[in-house]
N, C-alpha and C. Protein backbone atom coordinates (compact mmCIF):
# COMPACT_ATOMS: atom_id res chain seq x y z
N MET A 1 10.14 -2.45 18.94
CA MET A 1 10.28 -2.47 17.50
C MET A 1 9.12 -3.25 16.90
N SER A 2 8.68 -2.81 15.75
CA SER A 2 7.57 -3.47 15.09
C SER A 2 7.97 -4.89 14.69
N GLU A 3 7.02 -5.80 14.78
CA GLU A 3 7.28 -7.20 14.42
C GLU A 3 7.64 -7.32 12.95
N LEU A 4 6.95 -6.57 12.10
CA LEU A 4 7.21 -6.63 10.67
C LEU A 4 8.61 -6.12 10.35
N LYS A 5 9.02 -5.06 11.01
CA LYS A 5 10.36 -4.52 10.80
C LYS A 5 11.41 -5.54 11.24
N GLU A 6 11.18 -6.20 12.34
CA GLU A 6 12.11 -7.23 12.82
C GLU A 6 12.18 -8.39 11.83
N THR A 7 11.04 -8.79 11.28
CA THR A 7 11.00 -9.85 10.28
C THR A 7 11.82 -9.46 9.06
N ILE A 8 11.67 -8.21 8.64
CA ILE A 8 12.41 -7.72 7.47
C ILE A 8 13.91 -7.76 7.77
N ARG A 9 14.31 -7.36 8.96
CA ARG A 9 15.74 -7.40 9.34
C ARG A 9 16.27 -8.83 9.31
N GLN A 10 15.48 -9.77 9.81
CA GLN A 10 15.90 -11.18 9.81
C GLN A 10 16.01 -11.70 8.37
N ASP A 11 15.07 -11.29 7.53
CA ASP A 11 15.12 -11.71 6.12
C ASP A 11 16.34 -11.13 5.41
N LEU A 12 16.77 -9.94 5.81
CA LEU A 12 17.98 -9.35 5.24
C LEU A 12 19.18 -10.23 5.58
N LYS A 13 19.28 -10.64 6.82
CA LYS A 13 20.40 -11.50 7.22
C LYS A 13 20.38 -12.80 6.42
N THR A 14 19.19 -13.39 6.28
CA THR A 14 19.07 -14.64 5.52
C THR A 14 19.47 -14.44 4.06
N ALA A 15 19.03 -13.35 3.47
CA ALA A 15 19.36 -13.08 2.06
C ALA A 15 20.86 -12.83 1.89
N MET A 16 21.46 -12.17 2.85
CA MET A 16 22.89 -11.91 2.78
C MET A 16 23.68 -13.22 2.88
N LYS A 17 23.27 -14.10 3.78
CA LYS A 17 23.94 -15.39 3.93
C LYS A 17 23.78 -16.23 2.67
N ALA A 18 22.64 -16.12 2.01
CA ALA A 18 22.38 -16.88 0.79
C ALA A 18 23.02 -16.21 -0.43
N ARG A 19 23.62 -15.05 -0.24
CA ARG A 19 24.25 -14.28 -1.32
C ARG A 19 23.27 -13.96 -2.45
N ASP A 20 22.04 -13.66 -2.06
CA ASP A 20 21.00 -13.26 -3.01
C ASP A 20 21.05 -11.75 -3.15
N LYS A 21 21.79 -11.27 -4.15
CA LYS A 21 22.03 -9.84 -4.30
C LYS A 21 20.75 -9.04 -4.56
N GLY A 22 19.87 -9.57 -5.38
CA GLY A 22 18.64 -8.85 -5.70
C GLY A 22 17.76 -8.65 -4.48
N ARG A 23 17.55 -9.72 -3.75
CA ARG A 23 16.70 -9.65 -2.55
C ARG A 23 17.37 -8.79 -1.47
N THR A 24 18.69 -8.95 -1.30
CA THR A 24 19.42 -8.16 -0.31
C THR A 24 19.29 -6.67 -0.60
N GLY A 25 19.49 -6.28 -1.85
CA GLY A 25 19.39 -4.87 -2.23
C GLY A 25 18.01 -4.30 -2.00
N THR A 26 17.00 -5.08 -2.35
CA THR A 26 15.62 -4.62 -2.18
C THR A 26 15.27 -4.46 -0.70
N ILE A 27 15.68 -5.42 0.12
CA ILE A 27 15.37 -5.33 1.55
C ILE A 27 16.13 -4.18 2.19
N ARG A 28 17.38 -3.97 1.77
CA ARG A 28 18.13 -2.83 2.30
C ARG A 28 17.44 -1.52 1.95
N MET A 29 16.97 -1.40 0.71
CA MET A 29 16.24 -0.20 0.29
C MET A 29 15.00 -0.01 1.13
N LEU A 30 14.28 -1.09 1.41
CA LEU A 30 13.07 -1.02 2.22
C LEU A 30 13.38 -0.57 3.64
N LEU A 31 14.43 -1.12 4.23
CA LEU A 31 14.82 -0.71 5.58
C LEU A 31 15.23 0.76 5.62
N ALA A 32 15.90 1.23 4.56
CA ALA A 32 16.27 2.65 4.48
C ALA A 32 15.02 3.52 4.40
N ALA A 33 14.03 3.08 3.64
CA ALA A 33 12.77 3.84 3.53
C ALA A 33 12.04 3.87 4.87
N ILE A 34 12.08 2.77 5.59
CA ILE A 34 11.44 2.71 6.91
C ILE A 34 12.17 3.65 7.87
N GLN A 35 13.49 3.64 7.82
CA GLN A 35 14.27 4.51 8.70
C GLN A 35 14.00 5.98 8.36
N ALA A 36 13.89 6.29 7.08
CA ALA A 36 13.57 7.66 6.68
C ALA A 36 12.21 8.08 7.22
N GLU A 37 11.26 7.17 7.19
CA GLU A 37 9.92 7.44 7.72
C GLU A 37 9.98 7.70 9.22
N GLU A 38 10.82 6.96 9.91
CA GLU A 38 10.94 7.12 11.37
C GLU A 38 11.59 8.44 11.75
N THR A 39 12.46 8.94 10.91
CA THR A 39 13.21 10.15 11.28
C THR A 39 12.59 11.44 10.75
N THR A 40 11.56 11.35 9.93
CA THR A 40 10.90 12.57 9.47
C THR A 40 9.91 13.03 10.54
N GLY A 41 9.86 14.32 10.75
CA GLY A 41 8.94 14.86 11.76
C GLY A 41 9.41 14.48 13.15
N ALA A 42 8.47 14.09 13.98
CA ALA A 42 8.80 13.68 15.34
C ALA A 42 9.46 12.30 15.28
N LYS A 43 10.65 12.18 15.84
CA LYS A 43 11.35 10.90 15.80
C LYS A 43 10.60 9.89 16.65
N ARG A 44 10.31 8.74 16.05
CA ARG A 44 9.57 7.70 16.74
C ARG A 44 9.82 6.36 16.07
N GLU A 45 9.52 5.32 16.76
CA GLU A 45 9.66 3.96 16.22
C GLU A 45 8.46 3.68 15.32
N ALA A 46 8.71 3.10 14.15
CA ALA A 46 7.63 2.79 13.21
C ALA A 46 6.81 1.61 13.72
N THR A 47 5.50 1.72 13.61
CA THR A 47 4.61 0.62 13.95
C THR A 47 4.44 -0.27 12.72
N ASP A 48 3.81 -1.43 12.91
CA ASP A 48 3.55 -2.31 11.77
C ASP A 48 2.72 -1.59 10.71
N GLU A 49 1.77 -0.77 11.15
CA GLU A 49 0.92 -0.02 10.22
C GLU A 49 1.76 0.96 9.39
N ASP A 50 2.72 1.63 10.05
CA ASP A 50 3.61 2.55 9.33
C ASP A 50 4.45 1.80 8.31
N VAL A 51 4.96 0.63 8.70
CA VAL A 51 5.79 -0.16 7.80
C VAL A 51 4.99 -0.60 6.58
N ILE A 52 3.75 -1.00 6.80
CA ILE A 52 2.89 -1.42 5.69
C ILE A 52 2.66 -0.25 4.73
N LYS A 53 2.48 0.96 5.26
CA LYS A 53 2.31 2.13 4.39
C LYS A 53 3.57 2.40 3.58
N VAL A 54 4.74 2.24 4.19
CA VAL A 54 6.00 2.44 3.48
C VAL A 54 6.13 1.41 2.36
N ILE A 55 5.80 0.17 2.66
CA ILE A 55 5.89 -0.89 1.65
C ILE A 55 4.95 -0.59 0.49
N ALA A 56 3.73 -0.18 0.79
CA ALA A 56 2.75 0.15 -0.26
C ALA A 56 3.27 1.30 -1.13
N ARG A 57 3.88 2.30 -0.50
CA ARG A 57 4.43 3.43 -1.25
C ARG A 57 5.57 2.98 -2.16
N GLU A 58 6.42 2.10 -1.67
CA GLU A 58 7.55 1.62 -2.46
C GLU A 58 7.07 0.75 -3.64
N VAL A 59 6.05 -0.06 -3.40
CA VAL A 59 5.48 -0.88 -4.49
C VAL A 59 4.89 0.03 -5.55
N LYS A 60 4.18 1.06 -5.12
CA LYS A 60 3.57 2.00 -6.08
C LYS A 60 4.64 2.67 -6.93
N LYS A 61 5.73 3.10 -6.31
CA LYS A 61 6.82 3.73 -7.06
C LYS A 61 7.35 2.79 -8.13
N ARG A 62 7.53 1.52 -7.77
CA ARG A 62 8.07 0.57 -8.72
C ARG A 62 7.09 0.26 -9.85
N ARG A 63 5.81 0.20 -9.54
CA ARG A 63 4.82 -0.03 -10.61
C ARG A 63 4.82 1.12 -11.61
N GLU A 64 4.95 2.35 -11.09
CA GLU A 64 5.02 3.51 -11.98
C GLU A 64 6.28 3.43 -12.84
N SER A 65 7.38 3.01 -12.25
CA SER A 65 8.63 2.88 -13.00
C SER A 65 8.51 1.81 -14.09
N VAL A 66 7.84 0.69 -13.77
CA VAL A 66 7.66 -0.37 -14.75
C VAL A 66 6.90 0.18 -15.97
N GLU A 67 5.85 0.96 -15.72
CA GLU A 67 5.08 1.55 -16.82
C GLU A 67 5.96 2.42 -17.70
N ILE A 68 6.75 3.28 -17.07
CA ILE A 68 7.60 4.20 -17.82
C ILE A 68 8.65 3.43 -18.61
N TYR A 69 9.30 2.46 -17.97
CA TYR A 69 10.34 1.67 -18.65
C TYR A 69 9.76 0.89 -19.81
N THR A 70 8.57 0.32 -19.64
CA THR A 70 7.93 -0.45 -20.70
C THR A 70 7.58 0.45 -21.88
N GLN A 71 7.06 1.64 -21.60
CA GLN A 71 6.72 2.58 -22.66
C GLN A 71 7.94 3.00 -23.46
N ASN A 72 9.09 3.05 -22.79
CA ASN A 72 10.31 3.50 -23.45
C ASN A 72 11.18 2.35 -23.94
N GLY A 73 10.64 1.12 -23.95
CA GLY A 73 11.35 -0.01 -24.50
C GLY A 73 12.51 -0.50 -23.66
N ARG A 74 12.50 -0.24 -22.37
CA ARG A 74 13.58 -0.68 -21.48
C ARG A 74 13.10 -1.87 -20.66
N GLU A 75 12.91 -2.99 -21.31
CA GLU A 75 12.40 -4.19 -20.66
C GLU A 75 13.34 -4.69 -19.56
N ASP A 76 14.64 -4.50 -19.75
CA ASP A 76 15.61 -4.95 -18.74
C ASP A 76 15.39 -4.24 -17.41
N LEU A 77 15.18 -2.93 -17.47
CA LEU A 77 14.93 -2.17 -16.24
C LEU A 77 13.56 -2.50 -15.65
N ALA A 78 12.59 -2.73 -16.52
CA ALA A 78 11.24 -3.09 -16.05
C ALA A 78 11.29 -4.42 -15.30
N GLU A 79 12.07 -5.38 -15.80
CA GLU A 79 12.18 -6.67 -15.13
C GLU A 79 12.81 -6.54 -13.74
N THR A 80 13.80 -5.66 -13.62
CA THR A 80 14.43 -5.42 -12.32
C THR A 80 13.40 -4.88 -11.33
N GLU A 81 12.61 -3.91 -11.78
CA GLU A 81 11.57 -3.34 -10.91
C GLU A 81 10.53 -4.39 -10.53
N LEU A 82 10.14 -5.25 -11.47
CA LEU A 82 9.16 -6.30 -11.18
C LEU A 82 9.71 -7.28 -10.15
N ALA A 83 11.00 -7.57 -10.22
CA ALA A 83 11.61 -8.46 -9.22
C ALA A 83 11.57 -7.81 -7.84
N GLU A 84 11.81 -6.51 -7.78
CA GLU A 84 11.74 -5.80 -6.49
C GLU A 84 10.31 -5.79 -5.96
N ILE A 85 9.34 -5.62 -6.85
CA ILE A 85 7.93 -5.65 -6.43
C ILE A 85 7.60 -7.00 -5.81
N ALA A 86 8.09 -8.08 -6.41
CA ALA A 86 7.81 -9.42 -5.89
C ALA A 86 8.35 -9.57 -4.46
N VAL A 87 9.55 -9.04 -4.22
CA VAL A 87 10.13 -9.11 -2.87
C VAL A 87 9.29 -8.28 -1.90
N LEU A 88 8.92 -7.07 -2.29
CA LEU A 88 8.16 -6.18 -1.41
C LEU A 88 6.77 -6.74 -1.10
N GLU A 89 6.15 -7.39 -2.08
CA GLU A 89 4.80 -7.92 -1.87
C GLU A 89 4.77 -9.04 -0.84
N ASP A 90 5.93 -9.66 -0.58
CA ASP A 90 5.99 -10.69 0.45
C ASP A 90 5.65 -10.13 1.82
N TYR A 91 5.86 -8.84 2.01
CA TYR A 91 5.64 -8.20 3.31
C TYR A 91 4.29 -7.48 3.40
N GLN A 92 3.56 -7.42 2.31
CA GLN A 92 2.25 -6.76 2.33
C GLN A 92 1.19 -7.74 2.81
N PRO A 93 0.12 -7.22 3.41
CA PRO A 93 -0.99 -8.12 3.74
C PRO A 93 -1.63 -8.63 2.45
N ALA A 94 -2.36 -9.72 2.55
CA ALA A 94 -3.02 -10.29 1.38
C ALA A 94 -3.92 -9.23 0.75
N GLN A 95 -3.86 -9.13 -0.57
CA GLN A 95 -4.67 -8.15 -1.28
C GLN A 95 -6.11 -8.63 -1.38
N LEU A 96 -7.04 -7.71 -1.19
CA LEU A 96 -8.46 -8.02 -1.18
C LEU A 96 -9.00 -8.20 -2.60
N ASP A 97 -9.99 -9.09 -2.74
CA ASP A 97 -10.62 -9.26 -4.04
C ASP A 97 -11.69 -8.18 -4.23
N ASP A 98 -12.29 -8.14 -5.42
CA ASP A 98 -13.26 -7.09 -5.75
C ASP A 98 -14.47 -7.10 -4.83
N ALA A 99 -14.93 -8.28 -4.45
CA ALA A 99 -16.11 -8.36 -3.57
C ALA A 99 -15.80 -7.76 -2.20
N ALA A 100 -14.62 -8.04 -1.68
CA ALA A 100 -14.23 -7.50 -0.38
C ALA A 100 -14.07 -5.99 -0.45
N VAL A 101 -13.53 -5.49 -1.56
CA VAL A 101 -13.37 -4.05 -1.74
C VAL A 101 -14.75 -3.39 -1.79
N ALA A 102 -15.69 -4.00 -2.50
CA ALA A 102 -17.05 -3.47 -2.59
C ALA A 102 -17.70 -3.42 -1.21
N GLU A 103 -17.47 -4.46 -0.39
CA GLU A 103 -18.02 -4.47 0.97
C GLU A 103 -17.45 -3.32 1.81
N ILE A 104 -16.14 -3.11 1.69
CA ILE A 104 -15.49 -2.03 2.43
C ILE A 104 -16.05 -0.68 2.01
N VAL A 105 -16.22 -0.49 0.71
CA VAL A 105 -16.76 0.78 0.20
C VAL A 105 -18.18 0.98 0.70
N ASP A 106 -19.01 -0.04 0.63
CA ASP A 106 -20.39 0.08 1.10
C ASP A 106 -20.44 0.40 2.59
N ALA A 107 -19.60 -0.28 3.38
CA ALA A 107 -19.57 -0.03 4.83
C ALA A 107 -19.07 1.39 5.11
N SER A 108 -18.13 1.86 4.32
CA SER A 108 -17.59 3.21 4.51
C SER A 108 -18.64 4.27 4.17
N VAL A 109 -19.37 4.04 3.10
CA VAL A 109 -20.44 4.97 2.72
C VAL A 109 -21.50 5.01 3.82
N ALA A 110 -21.85 3.84 4.34
CA ALA A 110 -22.85 3.77 5.42
C ALA A 110 -22.35 4.50 6.67
N ALA A 111 -21.06 4.35 6.98
CA ALA A 111 -20.49 5.01 8.16
C ALA A 111 -20.51 6.53 8.00
N VAL A 112 -20.17 7.01 6.82
CA VAL A 112 -20.18 8.46 6.56
C VAL A 112 -21.61 8.98 6.62
N ALA A 113 -22.56 8.22 6.06
CA ALA A 113 -23.97 8.63 6.11
C ALA A 113 -24.45 8.71 7.56
N ALA A 114 -24.11 7.72 8.36
CA ALA A 114 -24.52 7.72 9.77
C ALA A 114 -23.87 8.88 10.53
N GLU A 115 -22.63 9.15 10.22
CA GLU A 115 -21.90 10.25 10.88
C GLU A 115 -22.55 11.60 10.58
N GLN A 116 -23.05 11.75 9.35
CA GLN A 116 -23.66 13.01 8.94
C GLN A 116 -25.16 13.04 9.18
N GLY A 117 -25.72 11.90 9.58
CA GLY A 117 -27.14 11.85 9.87
C GLY A 117 -28.01 11.94 8.63
N VAL A 118 -27.54 11.38 7.52
CA VAL A 118 -28.30 11.39 6.27
C VAL A 118 -28.49 9.95 5.80
N ASP A 119 -29.36 9.79 4.80
CA ASP A 119 -29.58 8.49 4.19
C ASP A 119 -28.38 8.12 3.32
N VAL A 120 -28.11 6.84 3.18
CA VAL A 120 -26.97 6.35 2.39
C VAL A 120 -27.06 6.86 0.95
N SER A 121 -28.28 6.96 0.42
CA SER A 121 -28.45 7.41 -0.96
C SER A 121 -28.07 8.88 -1.15
N GLU A 122 -27.98 9.63 -0.06
CA GLU A 122 -27.64 11.05 -0.15
C GLU A 122 -26.13 11.30 -0.14
N VAL A 123 -25.35 10.28 0.14
CA VAL A 123 -23.89 10.42 0.14
C VAL A 123 -23.43 10.41 -1.33
N GLY A 124 -22.76 11.48 -1.74
CA GLY A 124 -22.34 11.60 -3.12
C GLY A 124 -20.87 11.97 -3.25
N MET A 125 -20.52 12.47 -4.42
CA MET A 125 -19.13 12.80 -4.73
C MET A 125 -18.57 13.87 -3.78
N ARG A 126 -19.43 14.69 -3.21
CA ARG A 126 -18.96 15.72 -2.27
C ARG A 126 -18.30 15.11 -1.04
N GLN A 127 -18.74 13.93 -0.68
CA GLN A 127 -18.20 13.25 0.51
C GLN A 127 -17.10 12.24 0.15
N MET A 128 -16.58 12.33 -1.08
CA MET A 128 -15.57 11.36 -1.53
C MET A 128 -14.38 11.29 -0.56
N GLY A 129 -13.89 12.43 -0.11
CA GLY A 129 -12.74 12.45 0.79
C GLY A 129 -13.03 11.72 2.09
N GLN A 130 -14.21 11.96 2.65
CA GLN A 130 -14.58 11.32 3.90
C GLN A 130 -14.73 9.81 3.72
N VAL A 131 -15.33 9.41 2.60
CA VAL A 131 -15.51 7.98 2.33
C VAL A 131 -14.15 7.32 2.09
N MET A 132 -13.26 7.99 1.38
CA MET A 132 -11.93 7.45 1.13
C MET A 132 -11.15 7.27 2.43
N LYS A 133 -11.26 8.25 3.32
CA LYS A 133 -10.56 8.17 4.60
C LYS A 133 -11.05 6.95 5.39
N GLU A 134 -12.35 6.79 5.43
CA GLU A 134 -12.95 5.66 6.14
C GLU A 134 -12.55 4.34 5.48
N ALA A 135 -12.63 4.28 4.16
CA ALA A 135 -12.33 3.04 3.43
C ALA A 135 -10.85 2.67 3.55
N THR A 136 -9.98 3.66 3.51
CA THR A 136 -8.55 3.40 3.63
C THR A 136 -8.24 2.79 5.00
N GLY A 137 -8.88 3.31 6.03
CA GLY A 137 -8.68 2.76 7.36
C GLY A 137 -9.19 1.33 7.47
N ARG A 138 -10.31 1.06 6.85
CA ARG A 138 -10.88 -0.30 6.90
C ARG A 138 -10.07 -1.29 6.07
N ALA A 139 -9.49 -0.83 4.97
CA ALA A 139 -8.73 -1.72 4.09
C ALA A 139 -7.40 -2.13 4.71
N ALA A 140 -6.82 -1.26 5.51
CA ALA A 140 -5.56 -1.54 6.22
C ALA A 140 -4.48 -2.12 5.32
N GLY A 141 -4.24 -1.47 4.19
CA GLY A 141 -3.16 -1.91 3.31
C GLY A 141 -3.51 -3.08 2.42
N GLY A 142 -4.74 -3.56 2.49
CA GLY A 142 -5.13 -4.73 1.72
C GLY A 142 -5.55 -4.43 0.29
N VAL A 143 -5.50 -3.15 -0.08
CA VAL A 143 -5.89 -2.78 -1.45
C VAL A 143 -5.11 -1.54 -1.85
N ASP A 144 -4.73 -1.49 -3.11
CA ASP A 144 -4.02 -0.34 -3.65
C ASP A 144 -4.93 0.88 -3.64
N GLY A 145 -4.37 2.04 -3.32
CA GLY A 145 -5.17 3.27 -3.22
C GLY A 145 -5.88 3.63 -4.51
N LYS A 146 -5.23 3.40 -5.63
CA LYS A 146 -5.83 3.72 -6.93
C LYS A 146 -7.07 2.84 -7.18
N ARG A 147 -6.95 1.57 -6.84
CA ARG A 147 -8.06 0.65 -7.02
C ARG A 147 -9.21 1.00 -6.08
N LEU A 148 -8.87 1.34 -4.84
CA LEU A 148 -9.88 1.72 -3.86
C LEU A 148 -10.60 3.00 -4.29
N SER A 149 -9.84 3.97 -4.76
CA SER A 149 -10.41 5.23 -5.23
C SER A 149 -11.39 4.99 -6.38
N GLY A 150 -11.00 4.13 -7.30
CA GLY A 150 -11.88 3.81 -8.43
C GLY A 150 -13.19 3.18 -7.97
N ALA A 151 -13.11 2.29 -6.98
CA ALA A 151 -14.30 1.63 -6.46
C ALA A 151 -15.20 2.64 -5.75
N VAL A 152 -14.60 3.57 -4.99
CA VAL A 152 -15.39 4.59 -4.30
C VAL A 152 -16.08 5.50 -5.31
N LYS A 153 -15.34 5.95 -6.33
CA LYS A 153 -15.93 6.82 -7.37
C LYS A 153 -17.10 6.12 -8.05
N GLN A 154 -16.91 4.86 -8.38
CA GLN A 154 -17.97 4.11 -9.06
C GLN A 154 -19.21 4.00 -8.17
N ARG A 155 -19.00 3.76 -6.89
CA ARG A 155 -20.11 3.61 -5.95
C ARG A 155 -20.85 4.94 -5.75
N LEU A 156 -20.10 6.03 -5.61
CA LEU A 156 -20.72 7.33 -5.37
C LEU A 156 -21.38 7.91 -6.60
N ALA A 157 -20.82 7.64 -7.77
CA ALA A 157 -21.38 8.18 -9.01
C ALA A 157 -22.62 7.39 -9.45
N GLY A 158 -22.64 6.12 -9.14
CA GLY A 158 -23.73 5.30 -9.64
C GLY A 158 -24.70 4.98 -8.60
């Protein structure tokens, strides 16, 4: 079993003993999402990397919900989602700053250029998918996909 998944299970027990309903509900939802990930396709045990992807996906869903609730004047629901995000972020790796993201993008562009046997200046928007794939692997959950995509677009366009 993945170490991160085991940590999450232990945190669920702790939250239940502390009678923290908000944290307990969020962790249960996360464990259900992890189990769903494990049972889709070929049944297998989730690795730490898989768990991090599930957490990132769940955080993204909640951020989108916060936007919608805020636009529609439902601050109470937005606050609930923000509380869930705070719990989920405890399990994510530390988020990278802009300088680290720029380094990852530059290294990814260089890797794609070397793979294709061209100069770095020749890598453009046509190779965006390849650069994103490389950058996503290097970031390892340390940056939101939307933010990473924006940095790659900016680098390739300029």
